[in-house]
Amino acid sequence: MNCPYCQTNIKEAADKVICPDCHTPHHRECWEENRGCTTYGCSGNPQTKTKPVDIGNRTVGSIERMLVQEMHSAEMTDCPNCKKQIEKTSQFCKYCGTDINQKEDGKKKFEEEFRMRYRNSIKSKRKRFAVTLTSISILALLFIISAYFGISKLAAYYDSDDYKIKTFLGEWRNSWEGKDIEKYKELLDKDYIYYDKDGKPVKADDKIKRMQWTFDNYKKIKLKISNIKIIIDSVSPDYANVSFRQVYTSDKKEEAGTKTLRLYKGEENGYRWKIFREYFE
């Protein structure tokens, strides 16, 4: 666009002034030299201002009222740069010369970019939430599977003969240390026979009498069991051979040796392990 004063092109980077009345751009030096707009007929042109205006028979008061009415009748808006009131139809601000359309376009671009970034942020958050939820679900599933197999394995162990025999040995030792003859008798099978160091067999009734005498005459009894070996009969799983090192201690004697218990479980004893042979070496 050419400057109306010097009739030369106004470069984009040049210092320019836009007339607030007719919105015509000028070189700043041309504007200052002319002391205003150089467009013919523009109210911002000093030459136009010096010309008298025929107001007919109107009074000053009527003219002022007319100008106020015209100002209020025009639809106004805020300049996006200086915030002063200007007509909505204006392309340039008459106070600061800002290009209104350019400001509005910049505002729209900013709002569009803001909305785009907001949508991308929401998508990113939803994606992270989905990944987190999936990870938690997988971990929970793995935990449930591990717990299931762990509980199943534990339940299988507690139901195994190995565990039941070890529990039986604990009850057998507690009957000694607690000097509980009734509990001791419950652990013996009806065909129980004990073989001492000399190899002489002792039946259940005689063994129970010996134990009762020991319980009555000894103040304390302590049994220490170690090196337990359990062998389930491969032919008949209702029979088991249990051997271990036993250290017997009481207030009157102490001895150590290898104890072997032959165990049996069957329908007649409710499938509970009981001792039917006992050896001590």
C-alpha atoms as a PDB file:
ATOM      1  CA  MET A   1       0.000   0.000   0.000  1.00  0.00           C
ATOM      2  CA  ASN A   2       1.226   3.510  -0.866  1.00  0.00           C
ATOM      3  CA  CYS A   3       1.361   6.432   1.557  1.00  0.00           C
ATOM      4  CA  PRO A   4      -1.166   9.096   0.320  1.00  0.00           C
ATOM      5  CA  TYR A   5       1.279  11.864   1.233  1.00  0.00           C
ATOM      6  CA  CYS A   6       4.487  10.805  -0.529  1.00  0.00           C
ATOM      7  CA  GLN A   7       2.883   8.258  -2.875  1.00  0.00           C
ATOM      8  CA  THR A   8       5.565   5.648  -2.120  1.00  0.00           C
ATOM      9  CA  ASN A   9       5.149   2.095  -0.903  1.00  0.00           C
ATOM     10  CA  ILE A  10       4.845   1.554   2.883  1.00  0.00           C
ATOM     11  CA  LYS A  11       7.058  -1.415   3.712  1.00  0.00           C
ATOM     12  CA  GLU A  12       5.811  -3.904   6.275  1.00  0.00           C
ATOM     13  CA  ALA A  13       8.639  -3.157   8.724  1.00  0.00           C
ATOM     14  CA  ALA A  14       8.378   0.639   8.293  1.00  0.00           C
ATOM     15  CA  ASP A  15       7.283   2.879  11.162  1.00  0.00           C
ATOM     16  CA  LYS A  16       3.746   3.849  10.220  1.00  0.00           C
ATOM     17  CA  VAL A  17       0.644   5.563  11.611  1.00  0.00           C
ATOM     18  CA  ILE A  18      -2.912   4.531  10.782  1.00  0.00           C
ATOM     19  CA  CYS A  19      -5.479   7.316  10.717  1.00  0.00           C
ATOM     20  CA  PRO A  20      -8.055   6.645  13.467  1.00  0.00           C
ATOM     21  CA  ASP A  21     -10.814   8.238  11.347  1.00  0.00           C
ATOM     22  CA  CYS A  22     -10.402   6.869   7.829  1.00  0.00           C
ATOM     23  CA  HIS A  23      -7.942   4.075   8.738  1.00  0.00           C
ATOM     24  CA  THR A  24      -5.485   5.030   6.004  1.00  0.00           C
ATOM     25  CA  PRO A  25      -1.841   4.107   6.782  1.00  0.00           C
ATOM     26  CA  HIS A  26       0.929   6.768   6.470  1.00  0.00           C
ATOM     27  CA  HIS A  27       4.672   6.921   6.957  1.00  0.00           C
ATOM     28  CA  ARG A  28       5.187   8.349  10.436  1.00  0.00           C
ATOM     29  CA  GLU A  29       7.362  11.165   9.095  1.00  0.00           C
ATOM     30  CA  CYS A  30       4.671  12.011   6.492  1.00  0.00           C
ATOM     31  CA  TRP A  31       2.007  12.036   9.203  1.00  0.00           C
ATOM     32  CA  GLU A  32       4.065  14.312  11.433  1.00  0.00           C
ATOM     33  CA  GLU A  33       5.038  16.634   8.568  1.00  0.00           C
ATOM     34  CA  ASN A  34       1.378  17.095   7.590  1.00  0.00           C
ATOM     35  CA  ARG A  35       0.347  17.171  11.295  1.00  0.00           C
ATOM     36  CA  GLY A  36      -2.282  14.549  10.659  1.00  0.00           C
ATOM     37  CA  CYS A  37      -4.005  12.539   7.932  1.00  0.00           C
ATOM     38  CA  THR A  38      -3.415  13.568   4.314  1.00  0.00           C
ATOM     39  CA  THR A  39      -6.533  11.877   2.892  1.00  0.00           C
ATOM     40  CA  TYR A  40      -8.814  14.385   1.263  1.00  0.00           C
ATOM     41  CA  GLY A  41     -12.077  14.894   3.151  1.00  0.00           C
ATOM     42  CA  CYS A  42     -10.963  12.900   6.217  1.00  0.00           C
ATOM     43  CA  SER A  43     -11.855  14.544   9.509  1.00  0.00           C
ATOM     44  CA  GLY A  44      -8.321  13.783  10.640  1.00  0.00           C
ATOM     45  CA  ASN A  45      -6.856  15.959   7.857  1.00  0.00           C
ATOM     46  CA  PRO A  46      -5.793  19.387   9.204  1.00  0.00           C
ATOM     47  CA  GLN A  47      -7.058  20.988   6.003  1.00  0.00           C
ATOM     48  CA  THR A  48     -10.507  19.471   6.508  1.00  0.00           C
ATOM     49  CA  LYS A  49     -10.672  20.668  10.109  1.00  0.00           C
ATOM     50  CA  THR A  50     -10.032  24.292   9.111  1.00  0.00           C
ATOM     51  CA  LYS A  51     -12.975  24.335   6.757  1.00  0.00           C
ATOM     52  CA  PRO A  52     -16.218  25.713   8.291  1.00  0.00           C
ATOM     53  CA  VAL A  53     -19.201  23.434   8.459  1.00  0.00           C
ATOM     54  CA  ASP A  54     -22.667  24.757   7.639  1.00  0.00           C
ATOM     55  CA  ILE A  55     -24.958  23.808  10.529  1.00  0.00           C
ATOM     56  CA  GLY A  56     -27.900  25.790   9.303  1.00  0.00           C
ATOM     57  CA  ASN A  57     -30.123  27.219  12.039  1.00  0.00           C
ATOM     58  CA  ARG A  58     -29.107  24.504  14.604  1.00  0.00           C
ATOM     59  CA  THR A  59     -28.001  25.554  18.033  1.00  0.00           C
ATOM     60  CA  VAL A  60     -24.848  24.344  19.751  1.00  0.00           C
ATOM     61  CA  GLY A  61     -26.941  22.373  22.254  1.00  0.00           C
ATOM     62  CA  SER A  62     -28.913  20.579  19.532  1.00  0.00           C
ATOM     63  CA  ILE A  63     -25.688  19.654  17.741  1.00  0.00           C
ATOM     64  CA  GLU A  64     -24.151  18.256  20.963  1.00  0.00           C
ATOM     65  CA  ARG A  65     -27.272  16.204  21.638  1.00  0.00           C
ATOM     66  CA  MET A  66     -27.182  14.903  18.077  1.00  0.00           C
ATOM     67  CA  LEU A  67     -23.530  13.842  18.439  1.00  0.00           C
ATOM     68  CA  VAL A  68     -24.257  12.117  21.771  1.00  0.00           C
ATOM     69  CA  GLN A  69     -27.212  10.261  20.227  1.00  0.00           C
ATOM     70  CA  GLU A  70     -25.079   9.179  17.270  1.00  0.00           C
ATOM     71  CA  MET A  71     -22.330   7.986  19.624  1.00  0.00           C
ATOM     72  CA  HIS A  72     -24.788   5.964  21.765  1.00  0.00           C
ATOM     73  CA  SER A  73     -26.648   4.592  18.764  1.00  0.00           C
ATOM     74  CA  ALA A  74     -23.429   3.113  17.349  1.00  0.00           C
ATOM     75  CA  GLU A  75     -22.690  -0.460  18.550  1.00  0.00           C
ATOM     76  CA  MET A  76     -19.480  -0.248  20.600  1.00  0.00           C
ATOM     77  CA  THR A  77     -16.831  -2.739  21.626  1.00  0.00           C
ATOM     78  CA  ASP A  78     -13.489  -2.737  23.468  1.00  0.00           C
ATOM     79  CA  CYS A  79     -10.256  -2.368  21.548  1.00  0.00           C
ATOM     80  CA  PRO A  80      -8.303  -5.615  22.153  1.00  0.00           C
ATOM     81  CA  ASN A  81      -5.116  -3.546  22.607  1.00  0.00           C
ATOM     82  CA  CYS A  82      -5.902  -0.298  24.506  1.00  0.00           C
ATOM     83  CA  LYS A  83      -9.361  -1.409  25.812  1.00  0.00           C
ATOM     84  CA  LYS A  84     -11.025   1.887  24.826  1.00  0.00           C
ATOM     85  CA  GLN A  85     -14.567   1.963  23.374  1.00  0.00           C
ATOM     86  CA  ILE A  86     -14.708   1.912  19.571  1.00  0.00           C
ATOM     87  CA  GLU A  87     -17.398   1.086  16.981  1.00  0.00           C
ATOM     88  CA  LYS A  88     -17.782  -2.600  16.241  1.00  0.00           C
ATOM     89  CA  THR A  89     -17.626  -1.869  12.498  1.00  0.00           C
ATOM     90  CA  SER A  90     -14.161  -0.283  12.843  1.00  0.00           C
ATOM     91  CA  GLN A  91     -11.254  -2.046  11.197  1.00  0.00           C
ATOM     92  CA  PHE A  92      -8.670   0.002  13.137  1.00  0.00           C
ATOM     93  CA  CYS A  93      -8.783   1.480  16.644  1.00  0.00           C
ATOM     94  CA  LYS A  94      -9.167   5.291  16.379  1.00  0.00           C
ATOM     95  CA  TYR A  95      -7.092   5.712  19.554  1.00  0.00           C
ATOM     96  CA  CYS A  96      -4.101   3.392  19.073  1.00  0.00           C
ATOM     97  CA  GLY A  97      -4.461   2.371  15.401  1.00  0.00           C
ATOM     98  CA  THR A  98      -4.526  -1.405  16.132  1.00  0.00           C
ATOM     99  CA  ASP A  99      -5.776  -3.651  13.326  1.00  0.00           C
ATOM    100  CA  ILE A 100      -8.888  -5.150  15.001  1.00  0.00           C
ATOM    101  CA  ASN A 101      -9.279  -8.046  12.568  1.00  0.00           C
ATOM    102  CA  GLN A 102      -5.664  -9.081  13.051  1.00  0.00           C
ATOM    103  CA  LYS A 103      -6.122  -9.074  16.841  1.00  0.00           C
ATOM    104  CA  GLU A 104      -9.325 -11.084  16.573  1.00  0.00           C
ATOM    105  CA  ASP A 105      -7.638 -13.603  14.276  1.00  0.00           C
ATOM    106  CA  GLY A 106      -4.778 -13.934  16.750  1.00  0.00           C
ATOM    107  CA  LYS A 107      -7.259 -14.446  19.579  1.00  0.00           C
ATOM    108  CA  LYS A 108      -9.117 -17.109  17.601  1.00  0.00           C
ATOM    109  CA  LYS A 109      -5.878 -18.899  16.764  1.00  0.00           C
ATOM    110  CA  PHE A 110      -4.875 -18.808  20.426  1.00  0.00           C
ATOM    111  CA  GLU A 111      -8.246 -20.223  21.511  1.00  0.00           C
ATOM    112  CA  GLU A 112      -8.092 -22.947  18.861  1.00  0.00           C
ATOM    113  CA  GLU A 113      -4.562 -23.906  19.896  1.00  0.00           C
ATOM    114  CA  PHE A 114      -5.604 -23.857  23.571  1.00  0.00           C
ATOM    115  CA  ARG A 115      -8.567 -26.163  22.862  1.00  0.00           C
ATOM    116  CA  MET A 116      -6.342 -28.479  20.794  1.00  0.00           C
ATOM    117  CA  ARG A 117      -3.760 -28.688  23.594  1.00  0.00           C
ATOM    118  CA  TYR A 118      -6.507 -29.252  26.148  1.00  0.00           C
ATOM    119  CA  ARG A 119      -7.961 -32.124  24.087  1.00  0.00           C
ATOM    120  CA  ASN A 120      -4.488 -33.640  23.657  1.00  0.00           C
ATOM    121  CA  SER A 121      -3.874 -33.312  27.404  1.00  0.00           C
ATOM    122  CA  ILE A 122      -7.177 -35.081  28.170  1.00  0.00           C
ATOM    123  CA  LYS A 123      -6.343 -37.856  25.689  1.00  0.00           C
ATOM    124  CA  SER A 124      -2.894 -38.270  27.238  1.00  0.00           C
ATOM    125  CA  LYS A 125      -4.352 -38.442  30.765  1.00  0.00           C
ATOM    126  CA  ARG A 126      -6.954 -40.987  29.671  1.00  0.00           C
ATOM    127  CA  LYS A 127      -4.271 -43.078  27.985  1.00  0.00           C
ATOM    128  CA  ARG A 128      -2.085 -43.011  31.122  1.00  0.00           C
ATOM    129  CA  PHE A 129      -5.118 -43.925  33.238  1.00  0.00           C
ATOM    130  CA  ALA A 130      -5.934 -46.850  30.922  1.00  0.00           C
ATOM    131  CA  VAL A 131      -2.317 -48.083  31.050  1.00  0.00           C
ATOM    132  CA  THR A 132      -2.248 -47.757  34.856  1.00  0.00           C
ATOM    133  CA  LEU A 133      -5.600 -49.535  35.224  1.00  0.00           C
ATOM    134  CA  THR A 134      -4.454 -52.328  32.908  1.00  0.00           C
ATOM    135  CA  SER A 135      -1.194 -52.734  34.854  1.00  0.00           C
ATOM    136  CA  ILE A 136      -3.059 -52.867  38.175  1.00  0.00           C
ATOM    137  CA  SER A 137      -5.491 -55.432  36.740  1.00  0.00           C
ATOM    138  CA  ILE A 138      -2.635 -57.624  35.481  1.00  0.00           C
ATOM    139  CA  LEU A 139      -0.830 -57.411  38.834  1.00  0.00           C
ATOM    140  CA  ALA A 140      -4.059 -58.217  40.687  1.00  0.00           C
ATOM    141  CA  LEU A 141      -4.661 -61.207  38.389  1.00  0.00           C
ATOM    142  CA  LEU A 142      -1.096 -62.458  38.913  1.00  0.00           C
ATOM    143  CA  PHE A 143      -1.507 -62.047  42.675  1.00  0.00           C
ATOM    144  CA  ILE A 144      -4.779 -64.000  42.630  1.00  0.00           C
ATOM    145  CA  ILE A 145      -3.231 -66.776  40.526  1.00  0.00           C
ATOM    146  CA  SER A 146      -0.150 -66.931  42.776  1.00  0.00           C
ATOM    147  CA  ALA A 147      -2.324 -66.930  45.894  1.00  0.00           C
ATOM    148  CA  TYR A 148      -4.532 -69.663  44.430  1.00  0.00           C
ATOM    149  CA  PHE A 149      -1.608 -71.945  43.595  1.00  0.00           C
ATOM    150  CA  GLY A 150       0.095 -71.082  46.876  1.00  0.00           C
ATOM    151  CA  ILE A 151      -3.025 -71.936  48.881  1.00  0.00           C
ATOM    152  CA  SER A 152      -3.590 -75.067  46.805  1.00  0.00           C
ATOM    153  CA  LYS A 153      -0.014 -76.179  47.392  1.00  0.00           C
ATOM    154  CA  LEU A 154      -0.266 -75.384  51.105  1.00  0.00           C
ATOM    155  CA  ALA A 155      -3.572 -77.240  51.378  1.00  0.00           C
ATOM    156  CA  ALA A 156      -2.060 -80.226  49.579  1.00  0.00           C
ATOM    157  CA  TYR A 157       0.874 -80.219  52.028  1.00  0.00           C
ATOM    158  CA  TYR A 158      -1.387 -80.048  55.089  1.00  0.00           C
ATOM    159  CA  ASP A 159      -3.358 -82.959  53.656  1.00  0.00           C
ATOM    160  CA  SER A 160      -0.222 -84.983  52.920  1.00  0.00           C
ATOM    161  CA  ASP A 161       0.946 -87.990  54.953  1.00  0.00           C
ATOM    162  CA  ASP A 162       4.307 -86.286  55.470  1.00  0.00           C
ATOM    163  CA  TYR A 163       2.675 -83.397  57.345  1.00  0.00           C
ATOM    164  CA  LYS A 164       0.315 -85.681  59.272  1.00  0.00           C
ATOM    165  CA  ILE A 165       3.184 -87.929  60.408  1.00  0.00           C
ATOM    166  CA  LYS A 166       5.226 -84.925  61.597  1.00  0.00           C
ATOM    167  CA  THR A 167       2.181 -83.711  63.516  1.00  0.00           C
ATOM    168  CA  PHE A 168       1.815 -87.221  64.980  1.00  0.00           C
ATOM    169  CA  LEU A 169       5.440 -87.123  66.179  1.00  0.00           C
ATOM    170  CA  GLY A 170       4.755 -83.787  67.879  1.00  0.00           C
ATOM    171  CA  GLU A 171       1.786 -85.272  69.739  1.00  0.00           C
ATOM    172  CA  TRP A 172       3.854 -88.330  70.710  1.00  0.00           C
ATOM    173  CA  ARG A 173       6.657 -86.116  72.132  1.00  0.00           C
ATOM    174  CA  ASN A 174       4.142 -83.884  73.960  1.00  0.00           C
ATOM    175  CA  SER A 175       2.549 -86.930  75.629  1.00  0.00           C
ATOM    176  CA  TRP A 176       5.989 -87.793  77.048  1.00  0.00           C
ATOM    177  CA  GLU A 177       6.899 -84.285  78.175  1.00  0.00           C
ATOM    178  CA  GLY A 178       3.380 -83.626  79.508  1.00  0.00           C
ATOM    179  CA  LYS A 179       3.307 -87.033  81.205  1.00  0.00           C
ATOM    180  CA  ASP A 180      -0.130 -87.610  79.695  1.00  0.00           C
ATOM    181  CA  ILE A 181      -0.734 -91.366  79.807  1.00  0.00           C
ATOM    182  CA  GLU A 182      -4.163 -91.160  78.172  1.00  0.00           C
ATOM    183  CA  LYS A 183      -2.809 -89.252  75.225  1.00  0.00           C
ATOM    184  CA  TYR A 184       0.075 -91.723  74.958  1.00  0.00           C
ATOM    185  CA  LYS A 185      -2.305 -94.709  74.855  1.00  0.00           C
ATOM    186  CA  GLU A 186      -4.295 -93.108  71.992  1.00  0.00           C
ATOM    187  CA  LEU A 187      -1.160 -93.167  69.808  1.00  0.00           C
ATOM    188  CA  LEU A 188      -0.611 -96.950  70.125  1.00  0.00           C
ATOM    189  CA  ASP A 189      -2.199 -99.495  67.796  1.00  0.00           C
ATOM    190  CA  LYS A 190      -3.926-102.559  69.301  1.00  0.00           C
ATOM    191  CA  ASP A 191      -1.115-104.753  67.900  1.00  0.00           C
ATOM    192  CA  TYR A 192       1.623-102.520  69.339  1.00  0.00           C
ATOM    193  CA  ILE A 193       4.940-104.180  70.334  1.00  0.00           C
ATOM    194  CA  TYR A 194       8.064-102.406  71.666  1.00  0.00           C
ATOM    195  CA  TYR A 195      11.590-103.816  71.132  1.00  0.00           C
ATOM    196  CA  ASP A 196      14.208-102.542  73.580  1.00  0.00           C
ATOM    197  CA  LYS A 197      17.978-102.541  73.120  1.00  0.00           C
ATOM    198  CA  ASP A 198      18.195-106.227  74.075  1.00  0.00           C
ATOM    199  CA  GLY A 199      15.585-107.161  71.433  1.00  0.00           C
ATOM    200  CA  LYS A 200      13.000-108.383  73.959  1.00  0.00           C
ATOM    201  CA  PRO A 201       9.393-107.659  72.841  1.00  0.00           C
ATOM    202  CA  VAL A 202       7.083-105.685  75.162  1.00  0.00           C
ATOM    203  CA  LYS A 203       3.371-105.635  74.411  1.00  0.00           C
ATOM    204  CA  ALA A 204       1.102-102.594  74.669  1.00  0.00           C
ATOM    205  CA  ASP A 205      -0.229-103.244  78.213  1.00  0.00           C
ATOM    206  CA  ASP A 206       3.254-103.739  79.700  1.00  0.00           C
ATOM    207  CA  LYS A 207       4.588-100.675  77.843  1.00  0.00           C
ATOM    208  CA  ILE A 208       1.741 -98.517  79.180  1.00  0.00           C
ATOM    209  CA  LYS A 209       2.484 -99.725  82.758  1.00  0.00           C
ATOM    210  CA  ARG A 210       6.175 -98.780  82.336  1.00  0.00           C
ATOM    211  CA  MET A 211       5.210 -95.362  81.037  1.00  0.00           C
ATOM    212  CA  GLN A 212       2.784 -94.792  83.913  1.00  0.00           C
ATOM    213  CA  TRP A 213       5.530 -95.627  86.429  1.00  0.00           C
ATOM    214  CA  THR A 214       7.934 -93.257  84.658  1.00  0.00           C
ATOM    215  CA  PHE A 215       5.386 -90.450  84.632  1.00  0.00           C
ATOM    216  CA  ASP A 216       4.636 -90.955  88.338  1.00  0.00           C
ATOM    217  CA  ASN A 217       8.270 -91.078  89.497  1.00  0.00           C
ATOM    218  CA  TYR A 218      10.032 -88.548  87.268  1.00  0.00           C
ATOM    219  CA  LYS A 219       9.494 -84.850  87.895  1.00  0.00           C
ATOM    220  CA  LYS A 220      10.399 -83.760  84.392  1.00  0.00           C
ATOM    221  CA  ILE A 221      10.935 -85.426  81.031  1.00  0.00           C
ATOM    222  CA  LYS A 222      12.447 -83.856  77.936  1.00  0.00           C
ATOM    223  CA  LEU A 223      12.622 -85.379  74.453  1.00  0.00           C
ATOM    224  CA  LYS A 224      14.703 -83.891  71.647  1.00  0.00           C
ATOM    225  CA  ILE A 225      14.003 -85.223  68.155  1.00  0.00           C
ATOM    226  CA  SER A 226      16.252 -84.599  65.117  1.00  0.00           C
ATOM    227  CA  ASN A 227      17.217 -86.060  61.700  1.00  0.00           C
ATOM    228  CA  ILE A 228      13.671 -87.243  60.969  1.00  0.00           C
ATOM    229  CA  LYS A 229      13.318 -89.625  57.991  1.00  0.00           C
ATOM    230  CA  ILE A 230       9.874 -90.656  56.755  1.00  0.00           C
ATOM    231  CA  ILE A 231       9.387 -93.472  54.246  1.00  0.00           C
ATOM    232  CA  ILE A 232       5.883 -94.312  53.029  1.00  0.00           C
ATOM    233  CA  ASP A 233       5.486 -97.939  51.936  1.00  0.00           C
ATOM    234  CA  SER A 234       5.428 -97.980  48.120  1.00  0.00           C
ATOM    235  CA  VAL A 235       3.268-101.100  48.047  1.00  0.00           C
ATOM    236  CA  SER A 236       0.818-100.218  50.817  1.00  0.00           C
ATOM    237  CA  PRO A 237       0.612 -96.444  51.524  1.00  0.00           C
ATOM    238  CA  ASP A 238      -1.170 -97.198  54.808  1.00  0.00           C
ATOM    239  CA  TYR A 239       2.210 -98.174  56.302  1.00  0.00           C
ATOM    240  CA  ALA A 240       5.105 -95.842  57.053  1.00  0.00           C
ATOM    241  CA  ASN A 241       8.562 -96.166  58.575  1.00  0.00           C
ATOM    242  CA  VAL A 242       9.791 -93.199  60.677  1.00  0.00           C
ATOM    243  CA  SER A 243      13.319 -92.989  62.113  1.00  0.00           C
ATOM    244  CA  PHE A 244      15.013 -90.163  64.033  1.00  0.00           C
ATOM    245  CA  ARG A 245      17.646 -89.424  66.626  1.00  0.00           C
ATOM    246  CA  GLN A 246      16.186 -89.185  70.116  1.00  0.00           C
ATOM    247  CA  VAL A 247      17.788 -87.594  73.190  1.00  0.00           C
ATOM    248  CA  TYR A 248      15.885 -88.467  76.374  1.00  0.00           C
ATOM    249  CA  THR A 249      16.515 -86.350  79.496  1.00  0.00           C
ATOM    250  CA  SER A 250      14.851 -86.582  82.924  1.00  0.00           C
ATOM    251  CA  ASP A 251      15.726 -85.690  86.494  1.00  0.00           C
ATOM    252  CA  LYS A 252      17.025 -89.250  87.006  1.00  0.00           C
ATOM    253  CA  LYS A 253      18.605 -90.398  83.726  1.00  0.00           C
ATOM    254  CA  GLU A 254      19.681 -89.356  80.235  1.00  0.00           C
ATOM    255  CA  GLU A 255      20.167 -91.482  77.134  1.00  0.00           C
ATOM    256  CA  ALA A 256      20.424 -90.995  73.379  1.00  0.00           C
ATOM    257  CA  GLY A 257      19.919 -93.309  70.437  1.00  0.00           C
ATOM    258  CA  THR A 258      18.027 -94.020  67.231  1.00  0.00           C
ATOM    259  CA  LYS A 259      14.273 -94.515  67.514  1.00  0.00           C
ATOM    260  CA  THR A 260      12.256 -96.223  64.761  1.00  0.00           C
ATOM    261  CA  LEU A 261       8.459 -96.186  64.677  1.00  0.00           C
ATOM    262  CA  ARG A 262       6.403 -98.357  62.355  1.00  0.00           C
ATOM    263  CA  LEU A 263       3.080 -96.625  61.722  1.00  0.00           C
ATOM    264  CA  TYR A 264      -0.223 -97.842  60.370  1.00  0.00           C
ATOM    265  CA  LYS A 265      -3.562 -96.248  59.453  1.00  0.00           C
ATOM    266  CA  GLY A 266      -6.708 -98.095  58.493  1.00  0.00           C
ATOM    267  CA  GLU A 267     -10.478 -98.101  58.545  1.00  0.00           C
ATOM    268  CA  GLU A 268     -10.565 -99.611  62.051  1.00  0.00           C
ATOM    269  CA  ASN A 269      -8.679 -96.620  63.531  1.00  0.00           C
ATOM    270  CA  GLY A 270     -10.331 -93.937  61.416  1.00  0.00           C
ATOM    271  CA  TYR A 271      -7.307 -93.710  59.065  1.00  0.00           C
ATOM    272  CA  ARG A 272      -5.250 -92.031  61.782  1.00  0.00           C
ATOM    273  CA  TRP A 273      -1.588 -92.951  62.081  1.00  0.00           C
ATOM    274  CA  LYS A 274      -0.790 -95.166  65.082  1.00  0.00           C
ATOM    275  CA  ILE A 275       2.339 -96.995  66.276  1.00  0.00           C
ATOM    276  CA  PHE A 276       2.296-100.773  65.871  1.00  0.00           C
ATOM    277  CA  ARG A 277       6.074-101.339  66.221  1.00  0.00           C
ATOM    278  CA  GLU A 278       8.711 -99.368  68.136  1.00  0.00           C
ATOM    279  CA  TYR A 279      12.484 -99.937  68.186  1.00  0.00           C
ATOM    280  CA  PHE A 280      15.257 -98.226  70.125  1.00  0.00           C
ATOM    281  CA  GLU A 281      18.970 -98.683  69.492  1.00  0.00           C
END
